[in-house]
């Protein structure tokens, strides 16, 4: 494990989106997509204590991504979470922050801005 890299958990239900985002993030020298999951159940099979940043879609096929944010926080208090969603409104934003996320970004965020958000999050905000 390279301690200079931010280790990312990427949780999104759409395989093509998640895999292409993971490939792009992995091109960055300081980022590593260490785990990917497409559902709540898949995420629960992952050992969460090595995560620096969790990127979680709130709408998953088998449950609520907000629950995962809380679970990541309990399993690894030093891990920080970003919500990446196609739906943005004040209720989602409030719910995400209430669950422990540090930011909420739309899925159409330019990839360079998204990378910057991960870096800021991985550095403590």
C-alpha atoms as a PDB file:
ATOM      1  CA  UNK A   1       0.000   0.000   0.000  1.00  0.00           C
ATOM      2  CA  UNK A   2       1.413   3.384  -1.048  1.00  0.00           C
ATOM      3  CA  UNK A   3       0.869   5.727   1.899  1.00  0.00           C
ATOM      4  CA  UNK A   4       1.248   8.773  -0.368  1.00  0.00           C
ATOM      5  CA  UNK A   5      -1.881   7.824  -2.299  1.00  0.00           C
ATOM      6  CA  UNK A   6      -5.421   8.597  -1.192  1.00  0.00           C
ATOM      7  CA  UNK A   7      -7.266   5.284  -1.112  1.00  0.00           C
ATOM      8  CA  UNK A   8     -10.766   5.638  -2.510  1.00  0.00           C
ATOM      9  CA  UNK A   9     -13.910   3.573  -2.113  1.00  0.00           C
ATOM     10  CA  UNK A  10     -16.196   4.248  -5.086  1.00  0.00           C
ATOM     11  CA  UNK A  11     -19.831   3.191  -4.666  1.00  0.00           C
ATOM     12  CA  UNK A  12     -22.157   3.776  -7.619  1.00  0.00           C
ATOM     13  CA  UNK A  13     -24.852   1.546  -9.094  1.00  0.00           C
ATOM     14  CA  UNK A  14     -24.038   2.027 -12.779  1.00  0.00           C
ATOM     15  CA  UNK A  15     -21.083  -0.176 -13.755  1.00  0.00           C
ATOM     16  CA  UNK A  16     -20.017   1.773 -16.846  1.00  0.00           C
ATOM     17  CA  UNK A  17     -20.020   5.092 -14.988  1.00  0.00           C
ATOM     18  CA  UNK A  18     -18.245   3.676 -11.928  1.00  0.00           C
ATOM     19  CA  UNK A  19     -15.610   1.807 -13.929  1.00  0.00           C
ATOM     20  CA  UNK A  20     -14.823   4.732 -16.237  1.00  0.00           C
ATOM     21  CA  UNK A  21     -14.550   7.097 -13.268  1.00  0.00           C
ATOM     22  CA  UNK A  22     -12.288   4.604 -11.483  1.00  0.00           C
ATOM     23  CA  UNK A  23     -10.028   4.356 -14.549  1.00  0.00           C
ATOM     24  CA  UNK A  24      -9.754   8.131 -14.768  1.00  0.00           C
ATOM     25  CA  UNK A  25      -9.045   8.565 -11.046  1.00  0.00           C
ATOM     26  CA  UNK A  26      -6.392   5.845 -11.179  1.00  0.00           C
ATOM     27  CA  UNK A  27      -4.457   7.899 -13.729  1.00  0.00           C
ATOM     28  CA  UNK A  28      -3.662  10.390 -10.966  1.00  0.00           C
ATOM     29  CA  UNK A  29      -0.367   9.707  -9.186  1.00  0.00           C
ATOM     30  CA  UNK A  30      -1.808  10.530  -5.754  1.00  0.00           C
ATOM     31  CA  UNK A  31      -5.132   8.661  -6.015  1.00  0.00           C
ATOM     32  CA  UNK A  32      -5.943   4.960  -5.908  1.00  0.00           C
ATOM     33  CA  UNK A  33      -9.400   3.490  -6.366  1.00  0.00           C
ATOM     34  CA  UNK A  34      -8.814   0.616  -3.986  1.00  0.00           C
ATOM     35  CA  UNK A  35     -12.407  -0.645  -3.867  1.00  0.00           C
ATOM     36  CA  UNK A  36     -15.500  -0.433  -6.048  1.00  0.00           C
ATOM     37  CA  UNK A  37     -19.032  -1.476  -5.240  1.00  0.00           C
ATOM     38  CA  UNK A  38     -22.399  -1.174  -6.926  1.00  0.00           C
ATOM     39  CA  UNK A  39     -24.672  -1.786  -3.965  1.00  0.00           C
ATOM     40  CA  UNK A  40     -24.999  -1.627  -0.197  1.00  0.00           C
ATOM     41  CA  UNK A  41     -24.412  -5.387   0.043  1.00  0.00           C
ATOM     42  CA  UNK A  42     -21.248  -5.217  -2.075  1.00  0.00           C
ATOM     43  CA  UNK A  43     -19.901  -2.430   0.119  1.00  0.00           C
ATOM     44  CA  UNK A  44     -20.487  -4.397   3.283  1.00  0.00           C
ATOM     45  CA  UNK A  45     -18.094  -7.056   1.957  1.00  0.00           C
ATOM     46  CA  UNK A  46     -15.249  -4.499   1.945  1.00  0.00           C
ATOM     47  CA  UNK A  47     -12.871  -4.009   4.869  1.00  0.00           C
ATOM     48  CA  UNK A  48     -13.453  -0.283   5.465  1.00  0.00           C
ATOM     49  CA  UNK A  49     -10.501   0.632   7.648  1.00  0.00           C
ATOM     50  CA  UNK A  50      -8.095   1.344   4.761  1.00  0.00           C
ATOM     51  CA  UNK A  51     -10.255   3.999   3.128  1.00  0.00           C
ATOM     52  CA  UNK A  52      -9.248   7.661   2.992  1.00  0.00           C
ATOM     53  CA  UNK A  53     -12.176   8.909   0.892  1.00  0.00           C
ATOM     54  CA  UNK A  54     -15.518   7.231   0.209  1.00  0.00           C
ATOM     55  CA  UNK A  55     -17.436   8.454  -2.848  1.00  0.00           C
ATOM     56  CA  UNK A  56     -21.001   7.240  -2.506  1.00  0.00           C
ATOM     57  CA  UNK A  57     -24.101   7.565  -4.673  1.00  0.00           C
ATOM     58  CA  UNK A  58     -27.089   7.963  -2.340  1.00  0.00           C
ATOM     59  CA  UNK A  59     -29.391   5.885  -4.551  1.00  0.00           C
ATOM     60  CA  UNK A  60     -28.329   2.239  -4.685  1.00  0.00           C
ATOM     61  CA  UNK A  61     -30.341  -0.743  -5.935  1.00  0.00           C
ATOM     62  CA  UNK A  62     -30.605  -2.394  -2.520  1.00  0.00           C
ATOM     63  CA  UNK A  63     -30.677   0.514  -0.115  1.00  0.00           C
ATOM     64  CA  UNK A  64     -29.763   4.000   0.925  1.00  0.00           C
ATOM     65  CA  UNK A  65     -26.224   5.243   0.336  1.00  0.00           C
ATOM     66  CA  UNK A  66     -26.590   7.577   3.322  1.00  0.00           C
ATOM     67  CA  UNK A  67     -26.543   4.505   5.568  1.00  0.00           C
ATOM     68  CA  UNK A  68     -23.181   3.582   4.043  1.00  0.00           C
ATOM     69  CA  UNK A  69     -21.765   7.004   4.891  1.00  0.00           C
ATOM     70  CA  UNK A  70     -22.623   6.379   8.536  1.00  0.00           C
ATOM     71  CA  UNK A  71     -21.191   2.839   8.396  1.00  0.00           C
ATOM     72  CA  UNK A  72     -17.919   4.074   6.896  1.00  0.00           C
ATOM     73  CA  UNK A  73     -17.673   6.738   9.620  1.00  0.00           C
ATOM     74  CA  UNK A  74     -18.177   4.164  12.364  1.00  0.00           C
ATOM     75  CA  UNK A  75     -15.765   1.610  10.862  1.00  0.00           C
ATOM     76  CA  UNK A  76     -13.129   4.215  10.002  1.00  0.00           C
ATOM     77  CA  UNK A  77     -13.530   7.603  11.729  1.00  0.00           C
ATOM     78  CA  UNK A  78     -10.647   9.101   9.735  1.00  0.00           C
ATOM     79  CA  UNK A  79     -12.325   8.350   6.377  1.00  0.00           C
ATOM     80  CA  UNK A  80     -14.261  11.183   4.782  1.00  0.00           C
ATOM     81  CA  UNK A  81     -17.197  10.871   2.416  1.00  0.00           C
ATOM     82  CA  UNK A  82     -18.350  12.659  -0.713  1.00  0.00           C
ATOM     83  CA  UNK A  83     -21.798  12.165  -2.180  1.00  0.00           C
ATOM     84  CA  UNK A  84     -21.983  11.977  -5.967  1.00  0.00           C
ATOM     85  CA  UNK A  85     -25.562  12.176  -7.222  1.00  0.00           C
ATOM     86  CA  UNK A  86     -27.561  12.861 -10.368  1.00  0.00           C
ATOM     87  CA  UNK A  87     -30.159  14.564  -8.150  1.00  0.00           C
ATOM     88  CA  UNK A  88     -29.227  17.667  -6.214  1.00  0.00           C
ATOM     89  CA  UNK A  89     -31.584  19.547  -3.980  1.00  0.00           C
ATOM     90  CA  UNK A  90     -31.466  21.079  -0.525  1.00  0.00           C
ATOM     91  CA  UNK A  91     -33.045  18.023   1.114  1.00  0.00           C
ATOM     92  CA  UNK A  92     -30.385  15.685  -0.328  1.00  0.00           C
ATOM     93  CA  UNK A  93     -27.634  18.111   0.631  1.00  0.00           C
ATOM     94  CA  UNK A  94     -28.909  18.349   4.215  1.00  0.00           C
ATOM     95  CA  UNK A  95     -29.365  14.594   4.456  1.00  0.00           C
ATOM     96  CA  UNK A  96     -25.841  13.943   3.156  1.00  0.00           C
ATOM     97  CA  UNK A  97     -24.220  16.395   5.554  1.00  0.00           C
ATOM     98  CA  UNK A  98     -26.323  14.978   8.385  1.00  0.00           C
ATOM     99  CA  UNK A  99     -25.046  11.495   7.553  1.00  0.00           C
ATOM    100  CA  UNK A 100     -21.463  12.744   7.735  1.00  0.00           C
ATOM    101  CA  UNK A 101     -20.553  13.614   4.136  1.00  0.00           C
ATOM    102  CA  UNK A 102     -18.256  16.590   3.662  1.00  0.00           C
ATOM    103  CA  UNK A 103     -19.597  17.574   0.243  1.00  0.00           C
ATOM    104  CA  UNK A 104     -22.241  16.757  -2.362  1.00  0.00           C
ATOM    105  CA  UNK A 105     -21.404  16.892  -6.052  1.00  0.00           C
ATOM    106  CA  UNK A 106     -23.531  16.346  -9.157  1.00  0.00           C
ATOM    107  CA  UNK A 107     -22.587  13.477 -11.448  1.00  0.00           C
ATOM    108  CA  UNK A 108     -22.042  15.991 -14.247  1.00  0.00           C
ATOM    109  CA  UNK A 109     -19.228  17.717 -12.333  1.00  0.00           C
ATOM    110  CA  UNK A 110     -16.224  18.121 -14.655  1.00  0.00           C
ATOM    111  CA  UNK A 111     -13.771  15.352 -13.823  1.00  0.00           C
ATOM    112  CA  UNK A 112     -10.940  17.757 -12.921  1.00  0.00           C
ATOM    113  CA  UNK A 113     -13.232  19.505 -10.405  1.00  0.00           C
ATOM    114  CA  UNK A 114     -14.228  16.127  -9.003  1.00  0.00           C
ATOM    115  CA  UNK A 115     -10.568  15.142  -8.633  1.00  0.00           C
ATOM    116  CA  UNK A 116      -9.900  18.425  -6.825  1.00  0.00           C
ATOM    117  CA  UNK A 117     -12.820  17.709  -4.463  1.00  0.00           C
ATOM    118  CA  UNK A 118     -11.406  14.257  -3.668  1.00  0.00           C
ATOM    119  CA  UNK A 119      -8.007  15.779  -2.946  1.00  0.00           C
ATOM    120  CA  UNK A 120      -9.514  18.425  -0.671  1.00  0.00           C
ATOM    121  CA  UNK A 121     -11.580  15.803   1.097  1.00  0.00           C
ATOM    122  CA  UNK A 122      -8.604  13.473   1.486  1.00  0.00           C
ATOM    123  CA  UNK A 123      -6.636  16.329   3.023  1.00  0.00           C
ATOM    124  CA  UNK A 124      -9.282  16.966   5.644  1.00  0.00           C
ATOM    125  CA  UNK A 125     -11.668  19.185   3.748  1.00  0.00           C
END
